[in-house]
Amino acid sequence: MDANVTLTHATRCRRRLLVLLLAALVSPAPPAADTTTGPAPGPRDVCPVCGMFVTRYPEWTATLVHADGHTVHFDGAKDLFKYRLDLDRYAAGRAAPERLLVTEYYGLARIDARGAWYVIGSDVLGPMGHELIPFSSRAEAEEFSRDHKGKGVLRYEEIDRSRVESVDLGRFE
């Protein structure tokens, strides 16, 4: 009788193991890291660069998430770049930026700022005047630039302090 009990117990253990293995095989893989997610701004979030309430301009919102989780929101991509390009002023002692998100102009989706295309010098103004207007594709950026008298299409890497200052001043070299 003990042999039957042991055999039954062993059979149950094998079945459980088989079920666990099958479940592991058919379970979906964990999702890849999504660089377009981050906390949404709340009604009290103020742009650290200009002091405007961010939620008043949802179609322009940009977000920077530091590696330590600290998150700041902006009323446009231009202020996100001002912040990122002068971390000593705005975020001294903070962990490096981990995620940068901008709101894509046409679809209003949050996209990775590092992969976006930016139009400068168009006749479309943001909350703080001339703006770096983000797009998810080069084709959309170029079409928008043609339709709205843009002065250039830039990649993330091409945007430095002098570019941001020239956008602020309405000069588009």
Foldseek 3Di string as FASTA:
>chain_A
DVVVVVVVVVVVVVVVVVVVVVCVVPDDDPDDDDLQDDDDDDQPAAALQPGHRQVVQLLAKKKWAAPVGDIHIDNHPLSVQVCLQCVCVRPPPTHHTDFIWTQANPPRGIDTLQQWKWFWLFPDATPLGTHGHTHNDPVVNVVVCVVGVTPDIDGPVVDHPVCSVCRNVSHHD
